[in-house]
N, C-alpha and C. Protein backbone atom coordinates (compact mmCIF):
# COMPACT_ATOMS: atom_id res chain seq x y z
N MET A 1 30.68 -87.47 -97.17
CA MET A 1 31.73 -87.28 -96.06
C MET A 1 32.40 -85.90 -96.30
N PRO A 2 32.59 -85.09 -95.22
CA PRO A 2 33.22 -83.79 -95.40
C PRO A 2 34.64 -83.95 -95.96
N GLU A 3 35.05 -83.03 -96.81
CA GLU A 3 36.41 -83.04 -97.34
C GLU A 3 37.30 -82.10 -96.49
N THR A 4 38.36 -82.70 -95.89
CA THR A 4 39.28 -81.88 -95.12
C THR A 4 40.23 -81.22 -96.03
N ASN A 5 40.36 -81.68 -97.27
CA ASN A 5 41.27 -81.07 -98.21
C ASN A 5 40.61 -81.06 -99.59
N PRO A 6 39.50 -80.24 -99.71
CA PRO A 6 38.77 -80.31 -100.97
C PRO A 6 39.59 -79.83 -102.13
N ARG A 7 39.47 -80.52 -103.22
CA ARG A 7 40.16 -80.18 -104.46
C ARG A 7 39.17 -79.78 -105.50
N GLY A 8 39.24 -78.51 -105.97
CA GLY A 8 38.22 -78.01 -106.84
C GLY A 8 38.25 -78.64 -108.23
N SER A 9 37.17 -78.47 -108.97
CA SER A 9 37.07 -79.12 -110.26
C SER A 9 38.16 -78.60 -111.23
N SER A 10 38.65 -77.39 -111.07
CA SER A 10 39.73 -76.86 -111.89
C SER A 10 41.02 -77.74 -111.76
N PHE A 11 41.31 -78.09 -110.52
CA PHE A 11 42.45 -78.95 -110.27
C PHE A 11 42.20 -80.32 -110.92
N GLY A 12 40.94 -80.80 -110.73
CA GLY A 12 40.63 -82.13 -111.35
C GLY A 12 40.77 -82.12 -112.81
N ARG A 13 40.32 -81.11 -113.52
CA ARG A 13 40.48 -81.03 -114.93
C ARG A 13 41.90 -80.94 -115.31
N SER A 14 42.66 -80.19 -114.63
CA SER A 14 44.11 -80.04 -114.96
C SER A 14 44.82 -81.37 -114.76
N PHE A 15 44.62 -82.02 -113.61
CA PHE A 15 45.27 -83.31 -113.35
C PHE A 15 44.84 -84.40 -114.31
N ALA A 16 43.54 -84.35 -114.71
CA ALA A 16 43.08 -85.36 -115.68
C ALA A 16 43.82 -85.24 -117.02
N ARG A 17 44.21 -83.97 -117.36
CA ARG A 17 44.99 -83.76 -118.63
C ARG A 17 46.43 -84.18 -118.42
N MET A 18 47.01 -83.84 -117.25
CA MET A 18 48.40 -84.01 -117.06
C MET A 18 48.72 -85.47 -116.72
N GLY A 19 47.87 -86.17 -115.89
CA GLY A 19 48.16 -87.47 -115.42
C GLY A 19 48.52 -88.49 -116.54
N PRO A 20 47.79 -88.59 -117.56
CA PRO A 20 48.11 -89.57 -118.63
C PRO A 20 49.48 -89.29 -119.25
N ARG A 21 49.88 -88.01 -119.32
CA ARG A 21 51.23 -87.69 -119.81
C ARG A 21 52.31 -88.19 -118.86
N MET A 22 52.04 -88.09 -117.52
CA MET A 22 52.94 -88.60 -116.59
C MET A 22 53.04 -90.15 -116.71
N ASP A 23 51.87 -90.79 -116.87
CA ASP A 23 51.79 -92.24 -117.00
C ASP A 23 52.65 -92.69 -118.22
N ALA A 24 52.56 -91.99 -119.32
CA ALA A 24 53.31 -92.35 -120.52
C ALA A 24 54.79 -92.27 -120.32
N ARG A 25 55.23 -91.37 -119.41
CA ARG A 25 56.63 -91.15 -119.14
C ARG A 25 57.22 -92.06 -118.07
N GLY A 26 56.40 -92.99 -117.54
CA GLY A 26 56.93 -93.98 -116.63
C GLY A 26 56.06 -94.11 -115.33
N ALA A 27 55.18 -93.14 -115.06
CA ALA A 27 54.39 -93.25 -113.77
C ALA A 27 53.52 -94.50 -113.86
N ALA A 28 52.99 -94.92 -115.01
CA ALA A 28 52.19 -96.13 -115.07
C ALA A 28 52.99 -97.33 -114.61
N GLU A 29 54.23 -97.47 -115.00
CA GLU A 29 55.01 -98.60 -114.56
C GLU A 29 55.25 -98.56 -113.08
N HIS A 30 55.49 -97.39 -112.51
CA HIS A 30 55.60 -97.28 -111.04
C HIS A 30 54.34 -97.71 -110.39
N ARG A 31 53.16 -97.35 -110.90
CA ARG A 31 51.93 -97.76 -110.30
C ARG A 31 51.73 -99.26 -110.38
N ARG A 32 52.11 -99.86 -111.53
CA ARG A 32 52.01 -101.26 -111.67
C ARG A 32 52.81 -101.99 -110.64
N ARG A 33 54.06 -101.53 -110.47
CA ARG A 33 54.88 -102.20 -109.49
C ARG A 33 54.38 -101.92 -108.07
N LEU A 34 53.69 -100.79 -107.90
CA LEU A 34 53.14 -100.49 -106.55
C LEU A 34 52.15 -101.49 -106.07
N VAL A 35 51.19 -101.91 -106.98
CA VAL A 35 50.10 -102.70 -106.50
C VAL A 35 50.24 -104.19 -106.90
N GLU A 36 51.35 -104.60 -107.50
CA GLU A 36 51.50 -106.00 -107.92
C GLU A 36 51.38 -106.99 -106.73
N ALA A 37 51.72 -106.56 -105.56
CA ALA A 37 51.68 -107.47 -104.37
C ALA A 37 50.38 -107.25 -103.56
N ALA A 38 49.44 -106.50 -104.06
CA ALA A 38 48.18 -106.23 -103.34
C ALA A 38 47.37 -107.50 -103.32
N TYR A 39 46.55 -107.63 -102.26
CA TYR A 39 45.76 -108.86 -102.08
C TYR A 39 44.58 -108.48 -101.18
N GLY A 40 43.55 -109.33 -101.22
CA GLY A 40 42.44 -109.22 -100.25
C GLY A 40 41.65 -107.94 -100.40
N VAL A 41 41.30 -107.43 -99.29
CA VAL A 41 40.48 -106.12 -99.20
C VAL A 41 41.41 -105.00 -99.28
N VAL A 42 41.20 -104.05 -100.25
CA VAL A 42 42.11 -102.92 -100.50
C VAL A 42 41.30 -101.64 -100.31
N ILE A 43 41.95 -100.64 -99.72
CA ILE A 43 41.43 -99.27 -99.73
C ILE A 43 42.44 -98.41 -100.36
N GLU A 44 42.05 -97.65 -101.39
CA GLU A 44 42.99 -96.75 -102.06
C GLU A 44 42.57 -95.26 -101.78
N ILE A 45 43.50 -94.51 -101.29
CA ILE A 45 43.19 -93.10 -100.94
C ILE A 45 43.66 -92.22 -102.09
N GLY A 46 42.79 -91.22 -102.35
CA GLY A 46 43.11 -90.33 -103.46
C GLY A 46 43.37 -91.03 -104.79
N ALA A 47 42.31 -91.72 -105.24
CA ALA A 47 42.46 -92.63 -106.43
C ALA A 47 42.58 -91.81 -107.70
N GLY A 48 42.34 -90.54 -107.68
CA GLY A 48 42.42 -89.74 -108.89
C GLY A 48 41.56 -90.24 -109.95
N TYR A 49 42.08 -90.43 -111.17
CA TYR A 49 41.28 -90.86 -112.30
C TYR A 49 41.28 -92.38 -112.50
N GLY A 50 41.76 -93.08 -111.46
CA GLY A 50 41.76 -94.57 -111.53
C GLY A 50 42.97 -95.16 -112.21
N ALA A 51 44.14 -94.47 -112.21
CA ALA A 51 45.28 -94.96 -112.96
C ALA A 51 45.80 -96.23 -112.53
N THR A 52 45.61 -96.59 -111.21
CA THR A 52 46.11 -97.84 -110.69
C THR A 52 45.21 -99.05 -110.98
N PHE A 53 43.93 -98.76 -111.32
CA PHE A 53 42.94 -99.80 -111.38
C PHE A 53 43.30 -100.99 -112.34
N PRO A 54 43.81 -100.65 -113.53
CA PRO A 54 44.14 -101.79 -114.45
C PRO A 54 45.23 -102.74 -113.96
N PHE A 55 45.96 -102.35 -112.93
CA PHE A 55 47.13 -103.11 -112.46
C PHE A 55 46.81 -103.99 -111.26
N TYR A 56 45.68 -103.96 -110.71
CA TYR A 56 45.35 -104.76 -109.51
C TYR A 56 45.34 -106.25 -109.89
N PRO A 57 46.03 -107.07 -109.07
CA PRO A 57 46.09 -108.49 -109.49
C PRO A 57 44.88 -109.29 -109.03
N SER A 58 44.72 -110.46 -109.50
CA SER A 58 43.56 -111.25 -109.12
C SER A 58 43.50 -111.61 -107.70
N ALA A 59 44.59 -111.51 -106.91
CA ALA A 59 44.54 -111.85 -105.50
C ALA A 59 43.74 -110.78 -104.70
N VAL A 60 43.39 -109.68 -105.36
CA VAL A 60 42.57 -108.66 -104.73
C VAL A 60 41.08 -109.01 -104.87
N THR A 61 40.33 -109.06 -103.74
CA THR A 61 38.95 -109.39 -103.70
C THR A 61 38.04 -108.17 -103.95
N GLY A 62 38.57 -107.03 -103.64
CA GLY A 62 37.77 -105.82 -103.80
C GLY A 62 38.53 -104.58 -103.40
N VAL A 63 38.25 -103.43 -104.08
CA VAL A 63 38.96 -102.18 -103.79
C VAL A 63 37.86 -101.11 -103.51
N LEU A 64 38.04 -100.43 -102.38
CA LEU A 64 37.27 -99.20 -102.11
C LEU A 64 38.20 -98.08 -102.43
N ALA A 65 37.90 -97.28 -103.46
CA ALA A 65 38.72 -96.21 -103.90
C ALA A 65 38.11 -94.86 -103.54
N LEU A 66 38.79 -94.03 -102.84
CA LEU A 66 38.28 -92.76 -102.32
C LEU A 66 38.85 -91.62 -103.17
N GLU A 67 38.10 -90.71 -103.64
CA GLU A 67 38.54 -89.53 -104.35
C GLU A 67 37.62 -88.33 -104.08
N PRO A 68 38.14 -87.23 -103.46
CA PRO A 68 37.35 -86.12 -103.10
C PRO A 68 37.01 -85.17 -104.24
N ASP A 69 37.79 -85.20 -105.37
CA ASP A 69 37.54 -84.25 -106.45
C ASP A 69 36.44 -84.84 -107.34
N PRO A 70 35.35 -84.12 -107.57
CA PRO A 70 34.27 -84.64 -108.38
C PRO A 70 34.65 -85.01 -109.83
N THR A 71 35.45 -84.19 -110.43
CA THR A 71 35.85 -84.43 -111.82
C THR A 71 36.64 -85.77 -111.89
N LEU A 72 37.66 -85.90 -111.01
CA LEU A 72 38.52 -87.11 -111.00
C LEU A 72 37.62 -88.35 -110.52
N ARG A 73 36.75 -88.10 -109.66
CA ARG A 73 35.84 -89.19 -109.15
C ARG A 73 35.04 -89.82 -110.29
N GLY A 74 34.52 -88.96 -111.14
CA GLY A 74 33.76 -89.37 -112.27
C GLY A 74 34.61 -90.24 -113.29
N LEU A 75 35.82 -89.75 -113.48
CA LEU A 75 36.76 -90.53 -114.33
C LEU A 75 37.15 -91.83 -113.75
N ALA A 76 37.26 -91.86 -112.35
CA ALA A 76 37.64 -93.08 -111.68
C ALA A 76 36.53 -94.10 -111.77
N ARG A 77 35.31 -93.59 -111.71
CA ARG A 77 34.14 -94.61 -111.83
C ARG A 77 34.09 -95.28 -113.25
N ALA A 78 34.45 -94.40 -114.24
CA ALA A 78 34.53 -95.01 -115.55
C ALA A 78 35.64 -96.01 -115.64
N ALA A 79 36.79 -95.78 -115.04
CA ALA A 79 37.88 -96.65 -115.04
C ALA A 79 37.56 -97.90 -114.23
N ALA A 80 36.85 -97.78 -113.17
CA ALA A 80 36.40 -98.90 -112.37
C ALA A 80 35.59 -99.91 -113.12
N SER A 81 34.82 -99.46 -114.10
CA SER A 81 33.95 -100.39 -114.85
C SER A 81 34.76 -101.29 -115.70
N LYS A 82 36.07 -100.94 -115.99
CA LYS A 82 36.93 -101.72 -116.84
C LYS A 82 38.02 -102.45 -116.04
N ALA A 83 38.07 -102.29 -114.69
CA ALA A 83 39.08 -102.89 -113.85
C ALA A 83 38.98 -104.39 -113.87
N PRO A 84 40.11 -105.07 -113.71
CA PRO A 84 40.08 -106.55 -113.59
C PRO A 84 39.59 -107.13 -112.24
N VAL A 85 39.40 -106.28 -111.30
CA VAL A 85 38.85 -106.70 -109.99
C VAL A 85 37.77 -105.75 -109.62
N PRO A 86 36.88 -106.11 -108.68
CA PRO A 86 35.79 -105.20 -108.30
C PRO A 86 36.30 -103.98 -107.62
N VAL A 87 35.88 -102.77 -108.09
CA VAL A 87 36.28 -101.49 -107.60
C VAL A 87 35.10 -100.62 -107.35
N THR A 88 34.96 -100.16 -106.11
CA THR A 88 33.91 -99.20 -105.74
C THR A 88 34.58 -97.84 -105.50
N VAL A 89 34.07 -96.79 -106.23
CA VAL A 89 34.59 -95.51 -106.03
C VAL A 89 33.61 -94.61 -105.29
N GLN A 90 34.09 -93.91 -104.30
CA GLN A 90 33.24 -92.97 -103.60
C GLN A 90 34.01 -91.78 -103.05
N ASP A 91 33.18 -90.70 -102.72
CA ASP A 91 33.78 -89.54 -102.11
C ASP A 91 34.43 -89.87 -100.81
N GLY A 92 35.49 -89.25 -100.47
CA GLY A 92 36.14 -89.51 -99.18
C GLY A 92 37.56 -89.04 -99.12
N VAL A 93 38.02 -88.85 -97.89
CA VAL A 93 39.43 -88.33 -97.70
C VAL A 93 40.16 -89.28 -96.82
N ALA A 94 41.48 -89.14 -96.85
CA ALA A 94 42.38 -90.02 -96.05
C ALA A 94 42.24 -89.84 -94.62
N GLU A 95 41.89 -88.64 -94.16
CA GLU A 95 41.82 -88.37 -92.74
C GLU A 95 40.58 -88.88 -92.05
N ALA A 96 39.64 -89.46 -92.80
CA ALA A 96 38.49 -90.02 -92.31
C ALA A 96 38.02 -91.19 -93.12
N LEU A 97 38.71 -92.32 -93.01
CA LEU A 97 38.43 -93.47 -93.89
C LEU A 97 37.14 -94.17 -93.52
N PRO A 98 36.30 -94.51 -94.47
CA PRO A 98 35.04 -95.13 -94.20
C PRO A 98 35.18 -96.65 -94.12
N ALA A 99 35.94 -97.08 -93.13
CA ALA A 99 36.21 -98.50 -92.94
C ALA A 99 36.38 -98.79 -91.44
N ALA A 100 35.94 -99.96 -91.05
CA ALA A 100 35.99 -100.36 -89.62
C ALA A 100 37.46 -100.61 -89.24
N ASP A 101 37.70 -100.55 -87.93
CA ASP A 101 39.01 -100.90 -87.44
C ASP A 101 39.42 -102.33 -87.91
N ALA A 102 40.75 -102.46 -88.28
CA ALA A 102 41.33 -103.74 -88.64
C ALA A 102 40.47 -104.58 -89.62
N SER A 103 39.99 -103.84 -90.71
CA SER A 103 39.15 -104.49 -91.66
C SER A 103 39.74 -104.56 -93.05
N VAL A 104 40.91 -104.06 -93.20
CA VAL A 104 41.50 -103.90 -94.57
C VAL A 104 42.91 -104.61 -94.60
N ASP A 105 43.18 -105.33 -95.71
CA ASP A 105 44.43 -105.99 -95.85
C ASP A 105 45.53 -105.07 -96.38
N VAL A 106 45.13 -104.18 -97.33
CA VAL A 106 46.13 -103.38 -97.94
C VAL A 106 45.58 -101.97 -98.21
N ALA A 107 46.35 -100.96 -97.85
CA ALA A 107 46.05 -99.61 -98.19
C ALA A 107 47.02 -99.14 -99.29
N VAL A 108 46.50 -98.40 -100.23
CA VAL A 108 47.33 -97.92 -101.37
C VAL A 108 47.30 -96.44 -101.48
N SER A 109 48.46 -95.83 -101.55
CA SER A 109 48.64 -94.41 -101.72
C SER A 109 49.56 -94.09 -102.91
N SER A 110 49.01 -93.45 -103.92
CA SER A 110 49.78 -93.26 -105.12
C SER A 110 49.78 -91.74 -105.51
N LEU A 111 50.81 -91.06 -105.12
CA LEU A 111 51.00 -89.67 -105.39
C LEU A 111 49.85 -88.84 -104.67
N VAL A 112 49.57 -89.16 -103.45
CA VAL A 112 48.48 -88.42 -102.79
C VAL A 112 48.91 -87.93 -101.41
N LEU A 113 49.87 -88.55 -100.75
CA LEU A 113 50.20 -88.06 -99.41
C LEU A 113 50.89 -86.73 -99.41
N CYS A 114 51.29 -86.30 -100.61
CA CYS A 114 51.82 -84.90 -100.74
C CYS A 114 50.71 -83.91 -100.53
N SER A 115 49.47 -84.27 -100.76
CA SER A 115 48.39 -83.27 -100.78
C SER A 115 47.31 -83.40 -99.69
N VAL A 116 47.44 -84.44 -98.88
CA VAL A 116 46.47 -84.57 -97.80
C VAL A 116 46.68 -83.41 -96.84
N ALA A 117 45.57 -82.98 -96.24
CA ALA A 117 45.57 -81.81 -95.36
C ALA A 117 46.47 -82.08 -94.09
N ASP A 118 46.44 -83.36 -93.64
CA ASP A 118 47.12 -83.67 -92.37
C ASP A 118 47.68 -85.09 -92.57
N GLN A 119 49.01 -85.17 -92.85
CA GLN A 119 49.62 -86.48 -93.07
C GLN A 119 49.51 -87.36 -91.85
N ALA A 120 49.77 -86.82 -90.67
CA ALA A 120 49.76 -87.63 -89.50
C ALA A 120 48.36 -88.21 -89.28
N ALA A 121 47.34 -87.47 -89.46
CA ALA A 121 45.97 -87.90 -89.30
C ALA A 121 45.61 -88.95 -90.34
N ALA A 122 46.03 -88.80 -91.56
CA ALA A 122 45.79 -89.71 -92.67
C ALA A 122 46.48 -91.05 -92.33
N LEU A 123 47.73 -91.01 -91.89
CA LEU A 123 48.43 -92.27 -91.62
C LEU A 123 47.91 -92.91 -90.36
N ALA A 124 47.40 -92.16 -89.42
CA ALA A 124 46.74 -92.80 -88.27
C ALA A 124 45.55 -93.59 -88.66
N GLU A 125 44.79 -93.00 -89.66
CA GLU A 125 43.65 -93.69 -90.16
C GLU A 125 44.02 -94.94 -90.92
N VAL A 126 45.05 -94.88 -91.73
CA VAL A 126 45.49 -96.03 -92.37
C VAL A 126 45.90 -97.20 -91.36
N THR A 127 46.60 -96.83 -90.35
CA THR A 127 47.03 -97.70 -89.34
C THR A 127 45.78 -98.28 -88.65
N ARG A 128 44.77 -97.52 -88.46
CA ARG A 128 43.55 -97.95 -87.77
C ARG A 128 42.81 -99.04 -88.56
N VAL A 129 42.68 -98.82 -89.88
CA VAL A 129 41.91 -99.72 -90.66
C VAL A 129 42.62 -101.01 -91.11
N LEU A 130 43.98 -100.95 -91.05
CA LEU A 130 44.73 -102.12 -91.53
C LEU A 130 44.60 -103.27 -90.42
N ARG A 131 44.49 -104.45 -90.91
CA ARG A 131 44.53 -105.61 -90.03
C ARG A 131 45.97 -105.78 -89.62
N PRO A 132 46.21 -106.53 -88.43
CA PRO A 132 47.58 -106.88 -88.09
C PRO A 132 48.23 -107.63 -89.24
N GLY A 133 49.47 -107.23 -89.59
CA GLY A 133 50.12 -107.81 -90.75
C GLY A 133 49.72 -107.20 -92.03
N GLY A 134 48.72 -106.29 -92.06
CA GLY A 134 48.35 -105.57 -93.28
C GLY A 134 49.46 -104.59 -93.69
N VAL A 135 49.33 -104.12 -94.97
CA VAL A 135 50.44 -103.29 -95.44
C VAL A 135 49.91 -102.01 -96.17
N LEU A 136 50.70 -100.96 -96.06
CA LEU A 136 50.52 -99.72 -96.86
C LEU A 136 51.49 -99.86 -98.05
N LEU A 137 50.93 -99.76 -99.22
CA LEU A 137 51.82 -99.69 -100.47
C LEU A 137 51.83 -98.23 -100.86
N PHE A 138 53.03 -97.60 -101.02
CA PHE A 138 53.02 -96.20 -101.29
C PHE A 138 54.00 -95.88 -102.44
N TYR A 139 53.55 -94.86 -103.23
CA TYR A 139 54.38 -94.31 -104.30
C TYR A 139 54.15 -92.83 -104.26
N GLU A 140 55.23 -92.08 -103.83
CA GLU A 140 55.02 -90.63 -103.58
C GLU A 140 56.24 -89.83 -104.04
N HIS A 141 56.01 -88.60 -104.34
CA HIS A 141 57.17 -87.71 -104.49
C HIS A 141 57.47 -87.02 -103.20
N VAL A 142 58.78 -86.77 -102.91
CA VAL A 142 59.16 -86.30 -101.62
C VAL A 142 60.17 -85.20 -101.75
N ARG A 143 60.55 -84.63 -100.62
CA ARG A 143 61.54 -83.56 -100.57
C ARG A 143 62.89 -84.07 -101.06
N SER A 144 63.55 -83.42 -101.89
CA SER A 144 64.84 -83.77 -102.42
C SER A 144 65.93 -83.76 -101.39
N ALA A 145 66.85 -84.73 -101.39
CA ALA A 145 67.98 -84.67 -100.44
C ALA A 145 69.05 -83.72 -101.02
N HIS A 146 68.94 -83.31 -102.25
CA HIS A 146 69.90 -82.35 -102.83
C HIS A 146 69.68 -81.00 -102.16
N ARG A 147 70.80 -80.41 -101.73
CA ARG A 147 70.64 -79.16 -100.89
C ARG A 147 69.94 -78.07 -101.68
N VAL A 148 70.31 -77.81 -102.89
CA VAL A 148 69.70 -76.75 -103.68
C VAL A 148 68.21 -77.04 -104.01
N LEU A 149 68.01 -78.27 -104.57
CA LEU A 149 66.64 -78.64 -104.95
C LEU A 149 65.71 -78.63 -103.77
N GLY A 150 66.22 -79.22 -102.55
CA GLY A 150 65.37 -79.26 -101.43
C GLY A 150 65.01 -77.81 -100.95
N ALA A 151 66.01 -76.90 -100.99
CA ALA A 151 65.70 -75.55 -100.59
C ALA A 151 64.70 -74.91 -101.57
N ALA A 152 64.82 -75.20 -102.85
CA ALA A 152 63.91 -74.64 -103.79
C ALA A 152 62.48 -75.13 -103.54
N GLU A 153 62.39 -76.44 -103.26
CA GLU A 153 61.05 -76.97 -102.86
C GLU A 153 60.44 -76.33 -101.67
N ASP A 154 61.28 -76.11 -100.68
CA ASP A 154 60.80 -75.37 -99.45
C ASP A 154 60.26 -74.06 -99.82
N LEU A 155 61.00 -73.33 -100.69
CA LEU A 155 60.55 -71.99 -101.12
C LEU A 155 59.27 -71.98 -101.93
N LEU A 156 59.15 -73.01 -102.76
CA LEU A 156 58.00 -73.10 -103.70
C LEU A 156 56.75 -73.64 -103.02
N THR A 157 56.88 -74.33 -101.94
CA THR A 157 55.73 -75.08 -101.35
C THR A 157 54.48 -74.13 -101.08
N PRO A 158 54.67 -73.02 -100.40
CA PRO A 158 53.48 -72.20 -100.05
C PRO A 158 52.60 -71.79 -101.28
N LEU A 159 53.22 -71.41 -102.36
CA LEU A 159 52.54 -71.03 -103.54
C LEU A 159 52.10 -72.29 -104.28
N TRP A 160 52.89 -73.28 -104.42
CA TRP A 160 52.56 -74.48 -105.22
C TRP A 160 51.31 -75.19 -104.53
N SER A 161 51.33 -75.26 -103.21
CA SER A 161 50.25 -75.99 -102.58
C SER A 161 48.85 -75.34 -102.81
N ARG A 162 48.85 -73.99 -102.96
CA ARG A 162 47.59 -73.32 -103.26
C ARG A 162 47.18 -73.52 -104.74
N ALA A 163 48.16 -73.64 -105.61
CA ALA A 163 47.85 -73.75 -107.03
C ALA A 163 47.59 -75.19 -107.45
N ALA A 164 48.05 -76.18 -106.73
CA ALA A 164 48.13 -77.54 -107.19
C ALA A 164 47.39 -78.52 -106.27
N GLY A 165 46.21 -78.13 -105.87
CA GLY A 165 45.41 -79.03 -105.10
C GLY A 165 45.93 -79.43 -103.71
N GLY A 166 46.70 -78.58 -103.05
CA GLY A 166 47.25 -78.90 -101.81
C GLY A 166 48.58 -79.65 -101.79
N CYS A 167 49.12 -79.82 -102.98
CA CYS A 167 50.41 -80.60 -103.12
C CYS A 167 51.62 -79.90 -102.46
N HIS A 168 52.27 -80.54 -101.57
CA HIS A 168 53.48 -80.02 -100.82
C HIS A 168 54.65 -80.82 -101.40
N PRO A 169 55.48 -80.19 -102.22
CA PRO A 169 56.66 -80.94 -102.79
C PRO A 169 57.75 -81.15 -101.77
N ASN A 170 57.72 -80.60 -100.57
CA ASN A 170 58.82 -80.76 -99.66
C ASN A 170 58.49 -81.69 -98.47
N ARG A 171 57.59 -82.58 -98.57
CA ARG A 171 57.29 -83.42 -97.46
C ARG A 171 58.20 -84.64 -97.39
N ASP A 172 58.58 -84.99 -96.22
CA ASP A 172 59.50 -86.25 -96.00
C ASP A 172 58.56 -87.38 -95.60
N THR A 173 57.79 -87.85 -96.64
CA THR A 173 56.72 -88.78 -96.41
C THR A 173 57.18 -90.14 -95.81
N ALA A 174 58.26 -90.66 -96.25
CA ALA A 174 58.76 -91.93 -95.75
C ALA A 174 58.98 -91.83 -94.23
N ALA A 175 59.50 -90.74 -93.78
CA ALA A 175 59.78 -90.57 -92.30
C ALA A 175 58.42 -90.46 -91.56
N VAL A 176 57.44 -89.83 -92.12
CA VAL A 176 56.16 -89.71 -91.44
C VAL A 176 55.47 -91.03 -91.43
N ILE A 177 55.61 -91.89 -92.44
CA ILE A 177 55.03 -93.15 -92.44
C ILE A 177 55.65 -94.04 -91.32
N ALA A 178 56.96 -93.97 -91.21
CA ALA A 178 57.67 -94.73 -90.08
C ALA A 178 57.21 -94.18 -88.74
N GLY A 179 57.00 -92.85 -88.67
CA GLY A 179 56.59 -92.28 -87.38
C GLY A 179 55.21 -92.63 -86.99
N ALA A 180 54.40 -93.14 -87.91
CA ALA A 180 52.99 -93.47 -87.65
C ALA A 180 52.83 -94.89 -87.06
N GLY A 181 53.93 -95.54 -86.76
CA GLY A 181 53.87 -96.84 -86.13
C GLY A 181 53.90 -97.95 -87.13
N LEU A 182 54.07 -97.69 -88.40
CA LEU A 182 54.20 -98.69 -89.47
C LEU A 182 55.68 -99.00 -89.68
N THR A 183 56.00 -100.23 -89.99
CA THR A 183 57.37 -100.67 -90.22
C THR A 183 57.68 -100.62 -91.71
N VAL A 184 58.52 -99.75 -92.15
CA VAL A 184 58.89 -99.69 -93.54
C VAL A 184 59.75 -100.83 -93.90
N GLU A 185 59.34 -101.76 -94.67
CA GLU A 185 60.08 -102.99 -94.98
C GLU A 185 60.82 -102.91 -96.30
N GLY A 186 60.36 -102.10 -97.16
CA GLY A 186 61.06 -101.98 -98.47
C GLY A 186 60.87 -100.50 -98.91
N LEU A 187 61.96 -99.86 -99.35
CA LEU A 187 61.93 -98.50 -99.78
C LEU A 187 62.90 -98.27 -100.89
N GLU A 188 62.31 -97.83 -102.00
CA GLU A 188 63.15 -97.58 -103.21
C GLU A 188 63.09 -96.05 -103.45
N ARG A 189 64.23 -95.40 -103.59
CA ARG A 189 64.29 -93.99 -103.83
C ARG A 189 64.81 -93.79 -105.27
N PHE A 190 64.17 -92.91 -106.04
CA PHE A 190 64.56 -92.72 -107.43
C PHE A 190 64.12 -91.32 -107.88
N GLY A 191 64.77 -90.82 -108.89
CA GLY A 191 64.37 -89.57 -109.50
C GLY A 191 63.47 -89.84 -110.68
N PHE A 192 62.52 -88.97 -110.91
CA PHE A 192 61.51 -89.11 -111.97
C PHE A 192 61.06 -87.76 -112.47
N SER A 193 61.20 -87.55 -113.70
CA SER A 193 60.75 -86.34 -114.37
C SER A 193 59.40 -86.56 -114.97
N ALA A 194 58.37 -85.98 -114.37
CA ALA A 194 56.95 -86.30 -114.63
C ALA A 194 56.52 -85.78 -116.02
N LEU A 195 57.12 -84.63 -116.45
CA LEU A 195 56.72 -83.98 -117.66
C LEU A 195 57.96 -83.54 -118.41
N PRO A 196 57.93 -83.38 -119.74
CA PRO A 196 59.05 -82.93 -120.48
C PRO A 196 59.55 -81.57 -120.00
N GLY A 197 60.92 -81.51 -119.80
CA GLY A 197 61.49 -80.25 -119.32
C GLY A 197 61.56 -80.12 -117.84
N ASN A 198 60.86 -81.02 -117.11
CA ASN A 198 60.82 -80.95 -115.63
C ASN A 198 62.07 -81.55 -115.11
N PRO A 199 62.58 -81.14 -113.91
CA PRO A 199 63.80 -81.76 -113.29
C PRO A 199 63.33 -83.12 -112.75
N ARG A 200 64.32 -84.03 -112.58
CA ARG A 200 64.07 -85.30 -111.99
C ARG A 200 63.85 -85.16 -110.45
N LEU A 201 62.63 -85.22 -110.02
CA LEU A 201 62.32 -85.00 -108.60
C LEU A 201 62.37 -86.29 -107.84
N ALA A 202 62.65 -86.19 -106.55
CA ALA A 202 62.78 -87.30 -105.66
C ALA A 202 61.47 -88.07 -105.46
N HIS A 203 61.46 -89.33 -105.63
CA HIS A 203 60.23 -90.14 -105.44
C HIS A 203 60.60 -91.35 -104.61
N VAL A 204 59.67 -91.96 -103.86
CA VAL A 204 59.86 -93.19 -103.17
C VAL A 204 58.75 -94.13 -103.53
N LEU A 205 59.05 -95.43 -103.53
CA LEU A 205 58.10 -96.45 -103.68
C LEU A 205 58.39 -97.56 -102.65
N GLY A 206 57.44 -97.93 -101.85
CA GLY A 206 57.72 -98.80 -100.74
C GLY A 206 56.55 -99.48 -100.15
N VAL A 207 56.86 -100.32 -99.12
CA VAL A 207 55.89 -101.14 -98.34
C VAL A 207 56.11 -100.85 -96.92
N ALA A 208 55.07 -100.62 -96.13
CA ALA A 208 55.14 -100.47 -94.73
C ALA A 208 54.02 -101.33 -94.09
N SER A 209 54.39 -102.12 -93.02
CA SER A 209 53.45 -103.09 -92.53
C SER A 209 53.04 -102.65 -91.05
N LYS A 210 51.80 -103.16 -90.69
CA LYS A 210 51.35 -102.97 -89.33
C LYS A 210 51.62 -104.24 -88.58
N ALA A 211 52.14 -104.06 -87.40
CA ALA A 211 52.47 -105.21 -86.54
C ALA A 211 51.21 -105.91 -86.07
């Protein structure tokens, strides 16, 4: 499948090194909480190196995990072999989900909507594949509500997005999710410092349902 937001192997190698450090500082617990209510047929967009896979509960019958970066995809396949539920990893992007209309119970997004090429298109695809009553579980970093930090993120975004696999630190992802026709039913906002010495950046963890 064509990649609308290809992430080169240099990004993949960098994130593969950085991600476990983030997990050790608390991201793993956020991911565990993210998917603890998952069930049935799941599609995970931007699965990275498979950091969520160990936390899927037995109520999940199968996960289709999409990852466009070849380095991360290889790591995700290794992680899938140890997952507690069946996980299939394949190339793919959020803007073109390889699933039929209304065929998925749960969509999972973990630190990926910051980097998709087109958030609106990605969320339209999520809405398309979810069954009525299905849910999007999301854990994302978002633009800070703090005036100075938010302005700094706006200033940094053009350079950062080119250097960090398309990541946009100034996106108001929760608002875009609500604008996609999904109902945000639970939203937790918190600060999280991903790496030592980093500021506590704004994050959200929540659930949005399809009517």
